[in-house]
């Protein structure tokens, strides 16, 4: 893995339930983790391989260090360039344990 290509900062967001003094439960989005990554776009071949992805929406691949991504799950979001991306696929490198590839799809507004 080439570490000098990880020059983009992203934030992993998590939605949690919070309860106030009155007992009212509300959903709050908080920053779970800030990471450095390498950002690429999906190719047509990757669209076909990952049939769960929709071609009409922007799909972005975030390559992050393995140690930073161990506790990231698919129910979280990624904030990149002021936009939110759903995490659709997480591919961890269990052979060398150096990187994790996270595929995100742009959230509808």
N, C-alpha and C. Protein backbone atom coordinates (compact mmCIF):
# COMPACT_ATOMS: atom_id res chain seq x y z
N UNK A 1 0.85 -1.17 0.00
CA UNK A 1 0.00 0.00 0.00
C UNK A 1 0.89 1.23 0.00
N UNK A 2 0.52 2.21 -0.80
CA UNK A 2 1.27 3.45 -0.88
C UNK A 2 0.60 4.48 0.03
N UNK A 3 1.24 4.79 1.13
CA UNK A 3 0.62 5.68 2.13
C UNK A 3 0.55 7.13 1.69
N UNK A 4 1.46 7.57 0.81
CA UNK A 4 1.44 8.97 0.43
C UNK A 4 0.26 9.32 -0.46
N UNK A 5 -0.48 8.33 -0.97
CA UNK A 5 -1.68 8.60 -1.75
C UNK A 5 -2.89 8.87 -0.86
N UNK A 6 -2.79 8.57 0.41
CA UNK A 6 -3.89 8.81 1.34
C UNK A 6 -3.83 10.26 1.81
N UNK A 7 -4.33 11.14 0.94
CA UNK A 7 -4.21 12.56 1.20
C UNK A 7 -5.57 13.26 1.33
N UNK A 8 -6.63 12.49 1.49
CA UNK A 8 -7.97 13.06 1.61
C UNK A 8 -8.55 12.69 2.97
N UNK A 9 -9.11 13.68 3.64
CA UNK A 9 -9.69 13.47 4.97
C UNK A 9 -11.19 13.22 4.82
N UNK A 10 -11.67 12.13 5.44
CA UNK A 10 -13.10 11.83 5.47
C UNK A 10 -13.53 11.65 6.91
N UNK A 11 -14.84 11.74 7.13
CA UNK A 11 -15.38 11.49 8.46
C UNK A 11 -16.39 10.35 8.37
N UNK A 12 -16.29 9.42 9.29
CA UNK A 12 -17.27 8.34 9.39
C UNK A 12 -18.29 8.78 10.43
N UNK A 13 -19.57 8.79 10.03
CA UNK A 13 -20.65 9.26 10.89
C UNK A 13 -21.48 8.08 11.35
N UNK A 14 -21.99 8.18 12.56
CA UNK A 14 -22.81 7.13 13.16
C UNK A 14 -24.07 7.76 13.72
N UNK A 15 -25.21 7.12 13.53
CA UNK A 15 -26.47 7.59 14.08
C UNK A 15 -26.73 6.86 15.39
N UNK A 16 -26.93 7.66 16.44
CA UNK A 16 -27.18 7.08 17.76
C UNK A 16 -28.49 7.61 18.32
N UNK A 17 -29.07 6.87 19.26
CA UNK A 17 -30.27 7.32 19.95
C UNK A 17 -29.84 8.02 21.23
N UNK A 18 -30.40 9.21 21.43
CA UNK A 18 -30.12 9.92 22.67
C UNK A 18 -31.44 10.25 23.36
N UNK A 19 -31.38 10.33 24.68
CA UNK A 19 -32.58 10.57 25.47
C UNK A 19 -32.33 11.78 26.36
N UNK A 20 -33.27 12.74 26.35
CA UNK A 20 -33.12 13.92 27.19
C UNK A 20 -33.74 13.69 28.57
N UNK A 21 -33.77 14.73 29.39
CA UNK A 21 -34.27 14.60 30.76
C UNK A 21 -35.74 14.23 30.82
N UNK A 22 -36.50 14.62 29.79
CA UNK A 22 -37.94 14.33 29.75
C UNK A 22 -38.24 12.92 29.27
N UNK A 23 -37.23 12.21 28.80
CA UNK A 23 -37.44 10.85 28.31
C UNK A 23 -37.69 10.77 26.82
N UNK A 24 -37.59 11.91 26.13
CA UNK A 24 -37.80 11.93 24.69
C UNK A 24 -36.58 11.36 23.98
N UNK A 25 -36.81 10.39 23.11
CA UNK A 25 -35.72 9.75 22.37
C UNK A 25 -35.61 10.40 21.00
N UNK A 26 -34.40 10.76 20.62
CA UNK A 26 -34.17 11.35 19.30
C UNK A 26 -32.92 10.73 18.68
N UNK A 27 -32.87 10.74 17.36
CA UNK A 27 -31.72 10.22 16.63
C UNK A 27 -30.74 11.36 16.36
N UNK A 28 -29.49 11.12 16.65
CA UNK A 28 -28.46 12.13 16.46
C UNK A 28 -27.32 11.52 15.66
N UNK A 29 -26.80 12.28 14.71
CA UNK A 29 -25.65 11.84 13.94
C UNK A 29 -24.39 12.45 14.53
N UNK A 30 -23.43 11.60 14.87
CA UNK A 30 -22.19 12.07 15.49
C UNK A 30 -21.01 11.57 14.66
N UNK A 31 -19.88 12.26 14.80
CA UNK A 31 -18.66 11.83 14.12
C UNK A 31 -18.08 10.66 14.89
N UNK A 32 -17.97 9.52 14.23
CA UNK A 32 -17.44 8.31 14.85
C UNK A 32 -15.91 8.27 14.73
N UNK A 33 -15.41 8.68 13.57
CA UNK A 33 -13.98 8.61 13.33
C UNK A 33 -13.61 9.50 12.14
N UNK A 34 -12.45 10.13 12.19
CA UNK A 34 -11.90 10.87 11.05
C UNK A 34 -10.70 10.09 10.53
N UNK A 35 -10.67 9.89 9.19
CA UNK A 35 -9.65 9.05 8.58
C UNK A 35 -9.00 9.73 7.38
N UNK A 36 -7.77 9.35 7.10
CA UNK A 36 -7.11 9.72 5.85
C UNK A 36 -7.33 8.58 4.88
N UNK A 37 -7.60 8.91 3.60
CA UNK A 37 -7.87 7.86 2.63
C UNK A 37 -7.45 8.28 1.23
N UNK A 38 -7.50 7.32 0.32
CA UNK A 38 -7.34 7.54 -1.10
C UNK A 38 -8.72 7.34 -1.71
N UNK A 39 -9.19 8.30 -2.51
CA UNK A 39 -10.54 8.27 -3.06
C UNK A 39 -10.47 8.01 -4.56
N UNK A 40 -11.24 7.00 -5.02
CA UNK A 40 -11.34 6.71 -6.45
C UNK A 40 -12.80 6.49 -6.80
N UNK A 41 -13.08 6.53 -8.09
CA UNK A 41 -14.44 6.26 -8.57
C UNK A 41 -14.52 4.82 -9.04
N UNK A 42 -15.71 4.26 -9.00
CA UNK A 42 -15.92 2.88 -9.46
C UNK A 42 -15.81 2.81 -10.97
N UNK A 43 -15.24 1.72 -11.46
CA UNK A 43 -15.19 1.48 -12.90
C UNK A 43 -16.43 0.69 -13.32
N UNK A 44 -16.65 0.59 -14.61
CA UNK A 44 -17.80 -0.16 -15.11
C UNK A 44 -17.71 -1.63 -14.72
N UNK A 45 -16.51 -2.18 -14.72
CA UNK A 45 -16.32 -3.58 -14.33
C UNK A 45 -16.73 -3.77 -12.86
N UNK A 46 -16.38 -2.82 -12.00
CA UNK A 46 -16.76 -2.91 -10.59
C UNK A 46 -18.27 -2.79 -10.40
N UNK A 47 -18.95 -1.98 -11.26
CA UNK A 47 -20.41 -1.92 -11.20
C UNK A 47 -21.02 -3.29 -11.45
N UNK A 48 -20.50 -3.97 -12.46
CA UNK A 48 -21.05 -5.28 -12.81
C UNK A 48 -20.75 -6.32 -11.75
N UNK A 49 -19.57 -6.26 -11.15
CA UNK A 49 -19.21 -7.23 -10.11
C UNK A 49 -20.04 -7.02 -8.85
N UNK A 50 -20.30 -5.77 -8.51
CA UNK A 50 -21.10 -5.45 -7.32
C UNK A 50 -22.51 -5.11 -7.76
N UNK A 51 -23.31 -6.11 -8.04
CA UNK A 51 -24.63 -5.91 -8.62
C UNK A 51 -25.57 -5.14 -7.69
N UNK A 52 -25.25 -5.01 -6.43
CA UNK A 52 -26.10 -4.26 -5.51
C UNK A 52 -25.96 -2.76 -5.66
N UNK A 53 -25.01 -2.30 -6.45
CA UNK A 53 -24.81 -0.87 -6.64
C UNK A 53 -25.62 -0.37 -7.82
N UNK A 54 -26.15 0.83 -7.71
CA UNK A 54 -26.95 1.41 -8.79
C UNK A 54 -26.06 2.28 -9.65
N UNK A 55 -26.20 2.13 -10.98
CA UNK A 55 -25.32 2.86 -11.90
C UNK A 55 -25.67 4.33 -12.01
N UNK A 56 -26.90 4.73 -11.69
CA UNK A 56 -27.29 6.12 -11.86
C UNK A 56 -26.84 7.01 -10.70
N UNK A 57 -26.31 6.42 -9.64
CA UNK A 57 -25.83 7.20 -8.50
C UNK A 57 -24.32 7.16 -8.44
N UNK A 58 -23.74 8.16 -7.82
CA UNK A 58 -22.30 8.22 -7.72
C UNK A 58 -21.79 7.23 -6.68
N UNK A 59 -20.94 6.32 -7.13
CA UNK A 59 -20.31 5.36 -6.25
C UNK A 59 -18.84 5.71 -6.13
N UNK A 60 -18.35 5.78 -4.91
CA UNK A 60 -16.97 6.18 -4.65
C UNK A 60 -16.31 5.10 -3.81
N UNK A 61 -15.03 4.85 -4.08
CA UNK A 61 -14.26 3.87 -3.32
C UNK A 61 -13.29 4.62 -2.43
N UNK A 62 -13.34 4.31 -1.14
CA UNK A 62 -12.45 4.91 -0.15
C UNK A 62 -11.47 3.83 0.30
N UNK A 63 -10.19 4.04 0.10
CA UNK A 63 -9.17 3.10 0.53
C UNK A 63 -8.52 3.66 1.79
N UNK A 64 -8.72 2.98 2.92
CA UNK A 64 -8.22 3.44 4.22
C UNK A 64 -7.30 2.39 4.82
N UNK A 65 -6.53 2.79 5.81
CA UNK A 65 -5.65 1.85 6.50
C UNK A 65 -6.48 0.82 7.27
N UNK A 66 -5.99 -0.39 7.32
CA UNK A 66 -6.72 -1.48 7.97
C UNK A 66 -6.97 -1.21 9.45
N UNK A 67 -5.96 -0.76 10.17
CA UNK A 67 -6.09 -0.56 11.62
C UNK A 67 -7.12 0.52 11.95
N UNK A 68 -7.29 1.50 11.06
CA UNK A 68 -8.26 2.57 11.31
C UNK A 68 -9.69 2.14 11.04
N UNK A 69 -9.88 1.06 10.31
CA UNK A 69 -11.23 0.72 9.83
C UNK A 69 -11.81 -0.53 10.47
N UNK A 70 -11.18 -1.08 11.48
CA UNK A 70 -11.64 -2.36 12.03
C UNK A 70 -13.04 -2.29 12.62
N UNK A 71 -13.45 -1.17 13.16
CA UNK A 71 -14.75 -1.08 13.81
C UNK A 71 -15.79 -0.32 12.99
N UNK A 72 -15.56 -0.13 11.70
CA UNK A 72 -16.52 0.52 10.82
C UNK A 72 -17.49 -0.53 10.30
N UNK A 73 -18.80 -0.21 10.33
CA UNK A 73 -19.81 -1.14 9.86
C UNK A 73 -20.64 -0.49 8.75
N UNK A 74 -21.46 -1.28 8.08
CA UNK A 74 -22.23 -0.79 6.95
C UNK A 74 -23.44 0.06 7.35
N UNK A 75 -23.74 0.18 8.62
CA UNK A 75 -24.85 1.04 9.03
C UNK A 75 -24.40 2.48 9.32
N UNK A 76 -23.15 2.78 9.00
CA UNK A 76 -22.60 4.13 9.19
C UNK A 76 -22.58 4.88 7.85
N UNK A 77 -22.22 6.15 7.91
CA UNK A 77 -22.13 7.00 6.72
C UNK A 77 -20.71 7.54 6.62
N UNK A 78 -20.35 7.99 5.41
CA UNK A 78 -19.08 8.68 5.20
C UNK A 78 -19.41 10.08 4.69
N UNK A 79 -18.78 11.09 5.29
CA UNK A 79 -18.92 12.45 4.81
C UNK A 79 -17.65 12.82 4.06
N UNK A 80 -17.82 13.17 2.78
CA UNK A 80 -16.70 13.49 1.90
C UNK A 80 -17.12 14.65 1.01
N UNK A 81 -16.34 15.72 1.01
CA UNK A 81 -16.62 16.92 0.22
C UNK A 81 -18.00 17.50 0.51
N UNK A 82 -18.42 17.45 1.76
CA UNK A 82 -19.71 18.02 2.16
C UNK A 82 -20.91 17.17 1.81
N UNK A 83 -20.71 15.96 1.30
CA UNK A 83 -21.81 15.08 0.93
C UNK A 83 -21.72 13.79 1.73
N UNK A 84 -22.89 13.16 1.95
CA UNK A 84 -22.93 11.91 2.70
C UNK A 84 -23.02 10.72 1.73
N UNK A 85 -22.31 9.65 2.10
CA UNK A 85 -22.31 8.43 1.33
C UNK A 85 -22.69 7.26 2.24
N UNK A 86 -23.64 6.43 1.78
CA UNK A 86 -23.96 5.19 2.48
C UNK A 86 -22.83 4.20 2.26
N UNK A 87 -22.47 3.45 3.27
CA UNK A 87 -21.46 2.41 3.11
C UNK A 87 -22.16 1.17 2.59
N UNK A 88 -21.80 0.76 1.38
CA UNK A 88 -22.45 -0.37 0.72
C UNK A 88 -21.62 -1.64 0.78
N UNK A 89 -20.30 -1.51 0.86
CA UNK A 89 -19.46 -2.69 0.83
C UNK A 89 -18.16 -2.38 1.58
N UNK A 90 -17.72 -3.32 2.39
CA UNK A 90 -16.45 -3.19 3.11
C UNK A 90 -15.63 -4.43 2.80
N UNK A 91 -14.48 -4.24 2.16
CA UNK A 91 -13.60 -5.35 1.83
C UNK A 91 -12.29 -5.18 2.59
N UNK A 92 -12.10 -6.02 3.59
CA UNK A 92 -10.89 -5.95 4.40
C UNK A 92 -9.82 -6.87 3.83
N UNK A 93 -8.57 -6.45 3.92
CA UNK A 93 -7.45 -7.23 3.43
C UNK A 93 -6.96 -8.14 4.56
N UNK A 94 -7.43 -9.38 4.58
CA UNK A 94 -7.05 -10.31 5.64
C UNK A 94 -5.74 -11.03 5.35
N UNK A 95 -5.17 -10.78 4.17
CA UNK A 95 -3.89 -11.40 3.84
C UNK A 95 -2.72 -10.60 4.38
N UNK A 96 -2.71 -9.29 4.09
CA UNK A 96 -1.60 -8.45 4.54
C UNK A 96 -1.98 -7.50 5.67
N UNK A 97 -3.27 -7.35 5.93
CA UNK A 97 -3.78 -6.48 7.00
C UNK A 97 -3.25 -5.05 6.86
N UNK A 98 -3.25 -4.50 5.64
CA UNK A 98 -2.74 -3.14 5.49
C UNK A 98 -3.79 -2.14 5.03
N UNK A 99 -4.85 -2.59 4.36
CA UNK A 99 -5.83 -1.63 3.87
C UNK A 99 -7.24 -2.23 3.87
N UNK A 100 -8.20 -1.34 3.82
CA UNK A 100 -9.61 -1.71 3.71
C UNK A 100 -10.23 -0.86 2.62
N UNK A 101 -11.00 -1.50 1.78
CA UNK A 101 -11.66 -0.83 0.66
C UNK A 101 -13.14 -0.68 1.01
N UNK A 102 -13.60 0.57 1.10
CA UNK A 102 -14.99 0.85 1.45
C UNK A 102 -15.67 1.48 0.24
N UNK A 103 -16.77 0.87 -0.21
CA UNK A 103 -17.53 1.41 -1.33
C UNK A 103 -18.72 2.17 -0.77
N UNK A 104 -18.87 3.43 -1.20
CA UNK A 104 -19.96 4.25 -0.73
C UNK A 104 -20.80 4.75 -1.88
N UNK A 105 -22.10 4.93 -1.63
CA UNK A 105 -23.02 5.47 -2.63
C UNK A 105 -23.62 6.77 -2.11
N UNK A 106 -23.67 7.77 -2.96
CA UNK A 106 -24.17 9.08 -2.60
C UNK A 106 -25.60 8.99 -2.08
N UNK A 107 -25.88 9.65 -0.96
CA UNK A 107 -27.21 9.64 -0.35
C UNK A 107 -28.10 10.63 -1.08
N UNK A 108 -29.34 10.22 -1.34
CA UNK A 108 -30.32 11.13 -1.95
C UNK A 108 -30.66 12.24 -0.98
N UNK A 109 -30.85 13.42 -1.51
CA UNK A 109 -31.20 14.54 -0.64
C UNK A 109 -32.65 14.86 -0.68
